[in-house]
C-alpha atoms as a PDB file:
ATOM      1  CA  UNK A   1     137.835 155.236 111.221  1.00  0.00           C
ATOM      2  CA  UNK A   2     138.693 151.940 109.624  1.00  0.00           C
ATOM      3  CA  UNK A   3     135.031 151.002 109.855  1.00  0.00           C
ATOM      4  CA  UNK A   4     134.444 153.049 106.702  1.00  0.00           C
ATOM      5  CA  UNK A   5     136.989 151.141 104.607  1.00  0.00           C
ATOM      6  CA  UNK A   6     135.425 148.269 102.701  1.00  0.00           C
ATOM      7  CA  UNK A   7     137.719 145.424 101.690  1.00  0.00           C
ATOM      8  CA  UNK A   8     137.187 143.845  98.328  1.00  0.00           C
ATOM      9  CA  UNK A   9     135.984 140.284  98.190  1.00  0.00           C
ATOM     10  CA  UNK A  10     138.566 137.611  97.408  1.00  0.00           C
ATOM     11  CA  UNK A  11     138.267 136.155  93.962  1.00  0.00           C
ATOM     12  CA  UNK A  12     139.180 132.557  93.198  1.00  0.00           C
ATOM     13  CA  UNK A  13     138.704 130.142  90.346  1.00  0.00           C
ATOM     14  CA  UNK A  14     136.691 126.983  90.801  1.00  0.00           C
ATOM     15  CA  UNK A  15     138.773 123.846  90.126  1.00  0.00           C
ATOM     16  CA  UNK A  16     136.450 121.191  91.550  1.00  0.00           C
ATOM     17  CA  UNK A  17     135.705 119.813  88.086  1.00  0.00           C
ATOM     18  CA  UNK A  18     139.316 119.725  86.887  1.00  0.00           C
ATOM     19  CA  UNK A  19     140.789 116.236  86.908  1.00  0.00           C
ATOM     20  CA  UNK A  20     144.531 116.344  87.508  1.00  0.00           C
ATOM     21  CA  UNK A  21     147.183 114.406  89.351  1.00  0.00           C
ATOM     22  CA  UNK A  22     147.841 115.262  93.030  1.00  0.00           C
ATOM     23  CA  UNK A  23     151.063 117.035  92.016  1.00  0.00           C
ATOM     24  CA  UNK A  24     149.256 119.167  89.428  1.00  0.00           C
ATOM     25  CA  UNK A  25     146.485 119.911  91.917  1.00  0.00           C
ATOM     26  CA  UNK A  26     149.084 121.154  94.391  1.00  0.00           C
ATOM     27  CA  UNK A  27     150.614 123.411  91.736  1.00  0.00           C
ATOM     28  CA  UNK A  28     147.171 124.756  90.806  1.00  0.00           C
ATOM     29  CA  UNK A  29     146.412 125.595  94.432  1.00  0.00           C
ATOM     30  CA  UNK A  30     149.739 127.425  94.782  1.00  0.00           C
ATOM     31  CA  UNK A  31     149.137 129.382  91.559  1.00  0.00           C
ATOM     32  CA  UNK A  32     145.605 130.284  92.662  1.00  0.00           C
ATOM     33  CA  UNK A  33     146.823 131.420  96.079  1.00  0.00           C
ATOM     34  CA  UNK A  34     149.401 133.659  94.413  1.00  0.00           C
ATOM     35  CA  UNK A  35     146.707 135.134  92.154  1.00  0.00           C
ATOM     36  CA  UNK A  36     144.421 135.748  95.146  1.00  0.00           C
ATOM     37  CA  UNK A  37     147.238 137.547  96.956  1.00  0.00           C
ATOM     38  CA  UNK A  38     147.881 139.692  93.870  1.00  0.00           C
ATOM     39  CA  UNK A  39     144.178 140.598  93.680  1.00  0.00           C
ATOM     40  CA  UNK A  40     144.147 141.469  97.395  1.00  0.00           C
ATOM     41  CA  UNK A  41     147.193 143.705  96.944  1.00  0.00           C
ATOM     42  CA  UNK A  42     145.610 145.481  93.962  1.00  0.00           C
ATOM     43  CA  UNK A  43     142.344 146.049  95.813  1.00  0.00           C
ATOM     44  CA  UNK A  44     144.123 147.207  98.973  1.00  0.00           C
ATOM     45  CA  UNK A  45     146.185 149.649  96.915  1.00  0.00           C
ATOM     46  CA  UNK A  46     143.062 151.033  95.247  1.00  0.00           C
ATOM     47  CA  UNK A  47     141.316 151.478  98.585  1.00  0.00           C
ATOM     48  CA  UNK A  48     144.382 153.060 100.136  1.00  0.00           C
ATOM     49  CA  UNK A  49     144.354 155.651  97.358  1.00  0.00           C
ATOM     50  CA  UNK A  50     140.949 156.844  98.596  1.00  0.00           C
ATOM     51  CA  UNK A  51     141.123 156.329 102.358  1.00  0.00           C
ATOM     52  CA  UNK A  52     144.750 156.917 103.317  1.00  0.00           C
ATOM     53  CA  UNK A  53     145.465 160.677 102.699  1.00  0.00           C
ATOM     54  CA  UNK A  54     144.720 161.696 106.310  1.00  0.00           C
ATOM     55  CA  UNK A  55     143.034 159.953 109.235  1.00  0.00           C
ATOM     56  CA  UNK A  56     139.345 160.499 109.816  1.00  0.00           C
ATOM     57  CA  UNK A  57     138.495 163.120 112.417  1.00  0.00           C
ATOM     58  CA  UNK A  58     135.450 162.396 114.576  1.00  0.00           C
ATOM     59  CA  UNK A  59     133.445 165.429 115.741  1.00  0.00           C
ATOM     60  CA  UNK A  60     130.808 164.748 118.380  1.00  0.00           C
ATOM     61  CA  UNK A  61     128.526 166.774 120.620  1.00  0.00           C
ATOM     62  CA  UNK A  62     125.018 166.305 122.018  1.00  0.00           C
ATOM     63  CA  UNK A  63     123.123 164.774 119.075  1.00  0.00           C
ATOM     64  CA  UNK A  64     125.996 165.625 116.697  1.00  0.00           C
ATOM     65  CA  UNK A  65     127.938 162.885 114.904  1.00  0.00           C
ATOM     66  CA  UNK A  66     130.118 163.846 111.942  1.00  0.00           C
ATOM     67  CA  UNK A  67     133.315 162.534 110.370  1.00  0.00           C
ATOM     68  CA  UNK A  68     135.808 164.628 108.432  1.00  0.00           C
ATOM     69  CA  UNK A  69     138.780 163.694 106.239  1.00  0.00           C
ATOM     70  CA  UNK A  70     140.807 164.833 103.271  1.00  0.00           C
ATOM     71  CA  UNK A  71     139.577 162.641 100.421  1.00  0.00           C
ATOM     72  CA  UNK A  72     141.549 163.956  97.437  1.00  0.00           C
ATOM     73  CA  UNK A  73     145.081 165.249  97.050  1.00  0.00           C
ATOM     74  CA  UNK A  74     145.435 168.873  95.920  1.00  0.00           C
ATOM     75  CA  UNK A  75     146.422 167.771  92.426  1.00  0.00           C
ATOM     76  CA  UNK A  76     143.357 165.572  91.984  1.00  0.00           C
ATOM     77  CA  UNK A  77     141.047 168.069  93.674  1.00  0.00           C
ATOM     78  CA  UNK A  78     142.266 170.748  91.246  1.00  0.00           C
ATOM     79  CA  UNK A  79     141.530 168.453  88.308  1.00  0.00           C
ATOM     80  CA  UNK A  80     138.056 167.541  89.568  1.00  0.00           C
ATOM     81  CA  UNK A  81     137.175 171.188  90.210  1.00  0.00           C
ATOM     82  CA  UNK A  82     138.192 172.125  86.665  1.00  0.00           C
ATOM     83  CA  UNK A  83     136.161 169.260  85.191  1.00  0.00           C
ATOM     84  CA  UNK A  84     133.065 170.205  87.193  1.00  0.00           C
ATOM     85  CA  UNK A  85     133.388 173.802  86.017  1.00  0.00           C
ATOM     86  CA  UNK A  86     133.137 172.454  82.464  1.00  0.00           C
ATOM     87  CA  UNK A  87     130.390 169.862  83.044  1.00  0.00           C
ATOM     88  CA  UNK A  88     127.877 171.397  85.440  1.00  0.00           C
ATOM     89  CA  UNK A  89     124.656 172.931  84.119  1.00  0.00           C
ATOM     90  CA  UNK A  90     123.124 175.094  86.834  1.00  0.00           C
ATOM     91  CA  UNK A  91     119.502 176.093  87.281  1.00  0.00           C
ATOM     92  CA  UNK A  92     118.328 179.339  85.728  1.00  0.00           C
ATOM     93  CA  UNK A  93     115.144 181.386  85.606  1.00  0.00           C
ATOM     94  CA  UNK A  94     112.444 180.512  88.117  1.00  0.00           C
ATOM     95  CA  UNK A  95     114.387 177.486  89.370  1.00  0.00           C
ATOM     96  CA  UNK A  96     117.123 179.854  90.577  1.00  0.00           C
ATOM     97  CA  UNK A  97     114.720 181.860  92.742  1.00  0.00           C
ATOM     98  CA  UNK A  98     113.088 181.383  96.125  1.00  0.00           C
ATOM     99  CA  UNK A  99     110.019 182.918  97.708  1.00  0.00           C
ATOM    100  CA  UNK A 100     110.329 184.292 101.259  1.00  0.00           C
ATOM    101  CA  UNK A 101     107.358 185.944 102.966  1.00  0.00           C
ATOM    102  CA  UNK A 102     105.689 186.519  99.611  1.00  0.00           C
ATOM    103  CA  UNK A 103     108.723 188.107  97.966  1.00  0.00           C
ATOM    104  CA  UNK A 104     110.870 186.453  95.298  1.00  0.00           C
ATOM    105  CA  UNK A 105     114.649 186.538  95.618  1.00  0.00           C
ATOM    106  CA  UNK A 106     117.563 185.122  93.682  1.00  0.00           C
ATOM    107  CA  UNK A 107     119.196 182.212  95.516  1.00  0.00           C
ATOM    108  CA  UNK A 108     122.631 183.430  96.695  1.00  0.00           C
ATOM    109  CA  UNK A 109     124.553 180.654  94.936  1.00  0.00           C
ATOM    110  CA  UNK A 110     124.218 178.422  91.862  1.00  0.00           C
ATOM    111  CA  UNK A 111     122.741 174.959  92.177  1.00  0.00           C
ATOM    112  CA  UNK A 112     122.054 171.815  90.178  1.00  0.00           C
ATOM    113  CA  UNK A 113     120.659 168.329  90.831  1.00  0.00           C
ATOM    114  CA  UNK A 114     122.017 165.073  89.387  1.00  0.00           C
ATOM    115  CA  UNK A 115     121.304 161.414  90.067  1.00  0.00           C
ATOM    116  CA  UNK A 116     119.756 158.176  88.868  1.00  0.00           C
ATOM    117  CA  UNK A 117     117.214 158.328  86.053  1.00  0.00           C
ATOM    118  CA  UNK A 118     113.709 159.318  87.118  1.00  0.00           C
ATOM    119  CA  UNK A 119     114.613 160.567  90.592  1.00  0.00           C
ATOM    120  CA  UNK A 120     113.029 163.693  92.028  1.00  0.00           C
ATOM    121  CA  UNK A 121     113.845 165.483  95.249  1.00  0.00           C
ATOM    122  CA  UNK A 122     111.655 167.974  97.093  1.00  0.00           C
ATOM    123  CA  UNK A 123     113.211 170.545  99.398  1.00  0.00           C
ATOM    124  CA  UNK A 124     112.103 174.012 100.504  1.00  0.00           C
ATOM    125  CA  UNK A 125     108.776 173.333  98.820  1.00  0.00           C
ATOM    126  CA  UNK A 126     110.364 172.861  95.385  1.00  0.00           C
ATOM    127  CA  UNK A 127     110.510 169.530  93.514  1.00  0.00           C
ATOM    128  CA  UNK A 128     113.472 169.056  91.187  1.00  0.00           C
ATOM    129  CA  UNK A 129     114.220 166.287  88.716  1.00  0.00           C
ATOM    130  CA  UNK A 130     117.706 164.822  88.667  1.00  0.00           C
ATOM    131  CA  UNK A 131     119.827 165.224  85.550  1.00  0.00           C
ATOM    132  CA  UNK A 132     121.808 162.103  84.670  1.00  0.00           C
ATOM    133  CA  UNK A 133     125.217 161.664  86.268  1.00  0.00           C
ATOM    134  CA  UNK A 134     128.160 163.251  84.483  1.00  0.00           C
ATOM    135  CA  UNK A 135     131.439 161.295  84.244  1.00  0.00           C
ATOM    136  CA  UNK A 136     133.107 163.434  86.919  1.00  0.00           C
ATOM    137  CA  UNK A 137     130.172 163.183  89.326  1.00  0.00           C
ATOM    138  CA  UNK A 138     130.090 159.410  88.827  1.00  0.00           C
ATOM    139  CA  UNK A 139     133.797 159.186  89.602  1.00  0.00           C
ATOM    140  CA  UNK A 140     133.523 161.251  92.786  1.00  0.00           C
ATOM    141  CA  UNK A 141     130.412 159.317  93.861  1.00  0.00           C
ATOM    142  CA  UNK A 142     132.231 156.009  93.428  1.00  0.00           C
ATOM    143  CA  UNK A 143     135.232 157.228  95.432  1.00  0.00           C
ATOM    144  CA  UNK A 144     132.916 158.327  98.248  1.00  0.00           C
ATOM    145  CA  UNK A 145     131.167 154.944  98.121  1.00  0.00           C
ATOM    146  CA  UNK A 146     134.473 153.045  98.316  1.00  0.00           C
ATOM    147  CA  UNK A 147     135.585 155.214 101.212  1.00  0.00           C
ATOM    148  CA  UNK A 148     132.393 155.083 103.276  1.00  0.00           C
ATOM    149  CA  UNK A 149     130.747 151.797 102.279  1.00  0.00           C
ATOM    150  CA  UNK A 150     127.534 153.721 101.499  1.00  0.00           C
ATOM    151  CA  UNK A 151     125.731 153.967  98.149  1.00  0.00           C
ATOM    152  CA  UNK A 152     124.180 157.185  96.841  1.00  0.00           C
ATOM    153  CA  UNK A 153     121.634 157.846  94.090  1.00  0.00           C
ATOM    154  CA  UNK A 154     121.439 161.648  94.155  1.00  0.00           C
ATOM    155  CA  UNK A 155     123.694 164.671  94.503  1.00  0.00           C
ATOM    156  CA  UNK A 156     122.895 168.330  95.088  1.00  0.00           C
ATOM    157  CA  UNK A 157     125.527 170.661  93.637  1.00  0.00           C
ATOM    158  CA  UNK A 158     126.001 174.142  95.102  1.00  0.00           C
ATOM    159  CA  UNK A 159     128.469 176.593  93.550  1.00  0.00           C
ATOM    160  CA  UNK A 160     129.567 179.632  95.529  1.00  0.00           C
ATOM    161  CA  UNK A 161     131.240 182.200  93.247  1.00  0.00           C
ATOM    162  CA  UNK A 162     132.998 183.858  96.217  1.00  0.00           C
ATOM    163  CA  UNK A 163     132.533 184.598  99.897  1.00  0.00           C
ATOM    164  CA  UNK A 164     129.404 186.654  99.254  1.00  0.00           C
ATOM    165  CA  UNK A 165     127.504 183.538  98.177  1.00  0.00           C
ATOM    166  CA  UNK A 166     126.196 181.622 101.156  1.00  0.00           C
ATOM    167  CA  UNK A 167     123.497 179.393 102.600  1.00  0.00           C
ATOM    168  CA  UNK A 168     121.463 180.088 105.743  1.00  0.00           C
ATOM    169  CA  UNK A 169     120.827 177.754 108.655  1.00  0.00           C
ATOM    170  CA  UNK A 170     118.865 174.654 107.682  1.00  0.00           C
ATOM    171  CA  UNK A 171     118.588 170.915 108.258  1.00  0.00           C
ATOM    172  CA  UNK A 172     118.688 168.197 105.602  1.00  0.00           C
ATOM    173  CA  UNK A 173     115.822 166.301 107.199  1.00  0.00           C
ATOM    174  CA  UNK A 174     113.422 165.585 104.331  1.00  0.00           C
ATOM    175  CA  UNK A 175     111.400 162.411 104.866  1.00  0.00           C
ATOM    176  CA  UNK A 176     112.378 161.052 101.455  1.00  0.00           C
ATOM    177  CA  UNK A 177     116.022 160.767 102.546  1.00  0.00           C
ATOM    178  CA  UNK A 178     117.131 157.343 103.790  1.00  0.00           C
ATOM    179  CA  UNK A 179     117.784 157.793 107.538  1.00  0.00           C
ATOM    180  CA  UNK A 180     120.240 154.886 107.460  1.00  0.00           C
ATOM    181  CA  UNK A 181     122.521 156.713 105.039  1.00  0.00           C
ATOM    182  CA  UNK A 182     124.727 159.643 106.065  1.00  0.00           C
ATOM    183  CA  UNK A 183     124.895 162.735 103.881  1.00  0.00           C
ATOM    184  CA  UNK A 184     128.334 162.918 102.279  1.00  0.00           C
ATOM    185  CA  UNK A 185     129.569 166.432 101.534  1.00  0.00           C
ATOM    186  CA  UNK A 186     132.566 166.895  99.207  1.00  0.00           C
ATOM    187  CA  UNK A 187     134.175 170.347  99.032  1.00  0.00           C
ATOM    188  CA  UNK A 188     136.276 171.601  96.119  1.00  0.00           C
ATOM    189  CA  UNK A 189     137.743 175.073  95.715  1.00  0.00           C
ATOM    190  CA  UNK A 190     137.984 177.838  98.299  1.00  0.00           C
ATOM    191  CA  UNK A 191     137.984 176.794 101.956  1.00  0.00           C
ATOM    192  CA  UNK A 192     134.868 178.008 103.777  1.00  0.00           C
ATOM    193  CA  UNK A 193     133.653 178.083 107.365  1.00  0.00           C
ATOM    194  CA  UNK A 194     130.852 175.622 108.123  1.00  0.00           C
ATOM    195  CA  UNK A 195     128.823 176.117 111.292  1.00  0.00           C
ATOM    196  CA  UNK A 196     126.570 173.707 113.200  1.00  0.00           C
ATOM    197  CA  UNK A 197     124.031 175.192 115.627  1.00  0.00           C
ATOM    198  CA  UNK A 198     121.806 173.138 117.950  1.00  0.00           C
ATOM    199  CA  UNK A 199     118.083 173.611 117.381  1.00  0.00           C
ATOM    200  CA  UNK A 200     117.548 174.579 121.043  1.00  0.00           C
ATOM    201  CA  UNK A 201     120.230 177.280 120.902  1.00  0.00           C
ATOM    202  CA  UNK A 202     119.033 179.325 117.926  1.00  0.00           C
ATOM    203  CA  UNK A 203     117.879 182.917 118.176  1.00  0.00           C
ATOM    204  CA  UNK A 204     117.608 185.396 121.034  1.00  0.00           C
ATOM    205  CA  UNK A 205     114.863 183.388 122.734  1.00  0.00           C
ATOM    206  CA  UNK A 206     116.729 180.079 122.687  1.00  0.00           C
ATOM    207  CA  UNK A 207     115.923 177.799 125.608  1.00  0.00           C
ATOM    208  CA  UNK A 208     119.447 176.406 126.070  1.00  0.00           C
ATOM    209  CA  UNK A 209     123.023 177.582 125.836  1.00  0.00           C
ATOM    210  CA  UNK A 210     124.880 175.168 123.575  1.00  0.00           C
ATOM    211  CA  UNK A 211     128.011 176.345 121.817  1.00  0.00           C
ATOM    212  CA  UNK A 212     127.981 176.142 118.003  1.00  0.00           C
ATOM    213  CA  UNK A 213     130.491 173.864 116.275  1.00  0.00           C
ATOM    214  CA  UNK A 214     132.642 175.484 113.604  1.00  0.00           C
ATOM    215  CA  UNK A 215     134.661 173.627 110.956  1.00  0.00           C
ATOM    216  CA  UNK A 216     136.698 174.753 107.977  1.00  0.00           C
ATOM    217  CA  UNK A 217     135.856 172.674 104.896  1.00  0.00           C
ATOM    218  CA  UNK A 218     138.996 172.574 102.788  1.00  0.00           C
ATOM    219  CA  UNK A 219     139.748 171.777  99.147  1.00  0.00           C
ATOM    220  CA  UNK A 220     139.285 168.034  98.509  1.00  0.00           C
ATOM    221  CA  UNK A 221     137.663 167.238 101.852  1.00  0.00           C
ATOM    222  CA  UNK A 222     134.772 164.936 102.762  1.00  0.00           C
ATOM    223  CA  UNK A 223     132.321 165.568 105.605  1.00  0.00           C
ATOM    224  CA  UNK A 224     129.925 162.815 106.696  1.00  0.00           C
ATOM    225  CA  UNK A 225     126.808 163.920 108.563  1.00  0.00           C
ATOM    226  CA  UNK A 226     125.579 160.833 110.402  1.00  0.00           C
ATOM    227  CA  UNK A 227     122.303 160.299 112.254  1.00  0.00           C
ATOM    228  CA  UNK A 228     120.978 161.971 114.319  1.00  0.00           C
ATOM    229  CA  UNK A 229     122.882 165.140 113.328  1.00  0.00           C
ATOM    230  CA  UNK A 230     120.220 166.581 111.018  1.00  0.00           C
ATOM    231  CA  UNK A 231     117.525 166.013 113.626  1.00  0.00           C
ATOM    232  CA  UNK A 232     119.096 168.242 116.271  1.00  0.00           C
ATOM    233  CA  UNK A 233     121.586 170.495 114.491  1.00  0.00           C
ATOM    234  CA  UNK A 234     121.193 173.157 111.821  1.00  0.00           C
ATOM    235  CA  UNK A 235     124.128 173.949 109.566  1.00  0.00           C
ATOM    236  CA  UNK A 236     125.106 176.950 107.465  1.00  0.00           C
ATOM    237  CA  UNK A 237     127.808 178.405 105.235  1.00  0.00           C
ATOM    238  CA  UNK A 238     127.935 182.088 106.248  1.00  0.00           C
ATOM    239  CA  UNK A 239     129.133 185.074 104.231  1.00  0.00           C
ATOM    240  CA  UNK A 240     132.900 185.530 104.271  1.00  0.00           C
ATOM    241  CA  UNK A 241     133.761 188.738 102.384  1.00  0.00           C
ATOM    242  CA  UNK A 242     137.494 188.027 102.375  1.00  0.00           C
ATOM    243  CA  UNK A 243     137.010 184.844 100.324  1.00  0.00           C
ATOM    244  CA  UNK A 244     137.483 185.806  96.666  1.00  0.00           C
ATOM    245  CA  UNK A 245     137.617 182.392  94.988  1.00  0.00           C
ATOM    246  CA  UNK A 246     134.804 179.984  94.010  1.00  0.00           C
ATOM    247  CA  UNK A 247     133.800 176.800  95.799  1.00  0.00           C
ATOM    248  CA  UNK A 248     131.803 173.790  94.600  1.00  0.00           C
ATOM    249  CA  UNK A 249     130.051 171.581  97.132  1.00  0.00           C
ATOM    250  CA  UNK A 250     128.571 168.165  96.358  1.00  0.00           C
ATOM    251  CA  UNK A 251     126.174 166.631  98.882  1.00  0.00           C
ATOM    252  CA  UNK A 252     125.551 162.990  98.047  1.00  0.00           C
ATOM    253  CA  UNK A 253     122.323 161.491  99.372  1.00  0.00           C
ATOM    254  CA  UNK A 254     120.262 158.321  99.131  1.00  0.00           C
ATOM    255  CA  UNK A 255     116.639 158.977  98.273  1.00  0.00           C
ATOM    256  CA  UNK A 256     114.007 156.401  99.204  1.00  0.00           C
ATOM    257  CA  UNK A 257     112.068 155.211  96.188  1.00  0.00           C
ATOM    258  CA  UNK A 258     108.658 154.702  97.818  1.00  0.00           C
ATOM    259  CA  UNK A 259     106.804 155.085 101.114  1.00  0.00           C
ATOM    260  CA  UNK A 260     107.071 151.386 101.984  1.00  0.00           C
ATOM    261  CA  UNK A 261     110.838 151.496 101.793  1.00  0.00           C
ATOM    262  CA  UNK A 262     110.773 154.610 103.934  1.00  0.00           C
ATOM    263  CA  UNK A 263     108.740 152.851 106.641  1.00  0.00           C
ATOM    264  CA  UNK A 264     111.087 149.862 106.630  1.00  0.00           C
ATOM    265  CA  UNK A 265     114.148 152.095 106.849  1.00  0.00           C
ATOM    266  CA  UNK A 266     112.696 154.168 109.664  1.00  0.00           C
ATOM    267  CA  UNK A 267     111.736 151.035 111.617  1.00  0.00           C
ATOM    268  CA  UNK A 268     115.193 149.509 111.198  1.00  0.00           C
ATOM    269  CA  UNK A 269     116.736 152.710 112.472  1.00  0.00           C
ATOM    270  CA  UNK A 270     114.440 152.826 115.486  1.00  0.00           C
ATOM    271  CA  UNK A 271     112.758 156.019 114.353  1.00  0.00           C
ATOM    272  CA  UNK A 272     109.063 156.759 114.676  1.00  0.00           C
ATOM    273  CA  UNK A 273     106.974 156.852 111.514  1.00  0.00           C
ATOM    274  CA  UNK A 274     104.292 158.887 113.273  1.00  0.00           C
ATOM    275  CA  UNK A 275     103.969 162.648 113.541  1.00  0.00           C
ATOM    276  CA  UNK A 276     107.278 164.427 114.065  1.00  0.00           C
ATOM    277  CA  UNK A 277     107.625 167.116 116.704  1.00  0.00           C
ATOM    278  CA  UNK A 278     107.538 170.486 115.008  1.00  0.00           C
ATOM    279  CA  UNK A 279     110.385 172.733 116.086  1.00  0.00           C
ATOM    280  CA  UNK A 280     109.786 176.477 115.617  1.00  0.00           C
ATOM    281  CA  UNK A 281     111.979 177.741 112.827  1.00  0.00           C
ATOM    282  CA  UNK A 282     113.805 181.029 112.795  1.00  0.00           C
ATOM    283  CA  UNK A 283     112.876 183.141 109.720  1.00  0.00           C
ATOM    284  CA  UNK A 284     115.394 182.423 106.982  1.00  0.00           C
ATOM    285  CA  UNK A 285     116.772 185.780 105.967  1.00  0.00           C
ATOM    286  CA  UNK A 286     119.773 183.952 104.531  1.00  0.00           C
ATOM    287  CA  UNK A 287     117.580 182.734 101.653  1.00  0.00           C
ATOM    288  CA  UNK A 288     118.216 179.036 102.041  1.00  0.00           C
ATOM    289  CA  UNK A 289     116.288 178.129  98.911  1.00  0.00           C
ATOM    290  CA  UNK A 290     117.674 174.599  99.061  1.00  0.00           C
ATOM    291  CA  UNK A 291     119.666 172.263 101.209  1.00  0.00           C
ATOM    292  CA  UNK A 292     123.363 171.518 101.237  1.00  0.00           C
ATOM    293  CA  UNK A 293     126.524 172.911 102.825  1.00  0.00           C
END
C-alpha cells in the first residue's frame, strides 16, 4: 500500500545570485546535496514512523474497498487514549438522544463533533456544529493525513463505555461528504468486531445472498473506507457483552463547503448529481442516532 505514503518535497537553497569562483561553486553544490540528503532522511524517518508498523491489508468484495493497518504502537495508542479521555467533551441532554418511530431514546454511546471553525454536519436528521480541534485530535489527524495523503476537516468521536454500547447498521453516505475522500476510522481502546453487510443482503426478505465481512478493529488501528463502499455496504459495531473495557473511535471526514464544490467533486468522481436510487432501509432498532464505526 505504498500508494498511501506521501514523500516530502526536496528542499534546496537558491544560489543563482551568488557570485563565487568555480571551486567555491562546486563546494556549495556538494554542501547543498548533503543537506538535501539529510532532509530526505529526516522526512523518510518521520513518514516511516507513521506508515511502517505493519503492512496495509486490502479487503475487497463486490462494491467493497477498504484498507486496514496498525497506525500506532501500543505505547502511543495508550497515551493517545488517555489524552482523549481528558480532552473530549461529549454531547449531553437532547443532543444525546434520538427519535425512533416517535419515541425518544438515549443514544447507546457517547459522541462529540470536532473540526474546522464554522463547520456543521447533518446526519440522522440532526445538524451539529464542530467544536475546535483539540491538540490530541490535531495530532492524530495529521498522522492520518501523512499516512494516507488525504486531508480532513471534521471528525466524529464515538465513545463506547463497554461492549453494551454499540451502533446499528448504517452507511456514511451524506451528500455533504466529499466522495473523493475516504473515511478514516481510528480505533483506540478495547478491540471490537466491525461488520459490513451488503445492502441487497439485509433482512429476511433480502434479494441476494452475500456473506457479511467481519473485521476486528484493534487498539491503534486505522481503517480506510474507500469509494464505493458506503454506497453498497452498511456497517455496524454490534453488542459484545464480554467486552468490559471502553473504546474510542474517531472517524475523520472531509466535508464539502458548498453545493458547487459538491457538484465538481461528484463530476470528477464520475458520480451522478441527479436523484439517487432510494434503497429500502431496515428499521433501526439499534438506535443509530449518528454515523461512525
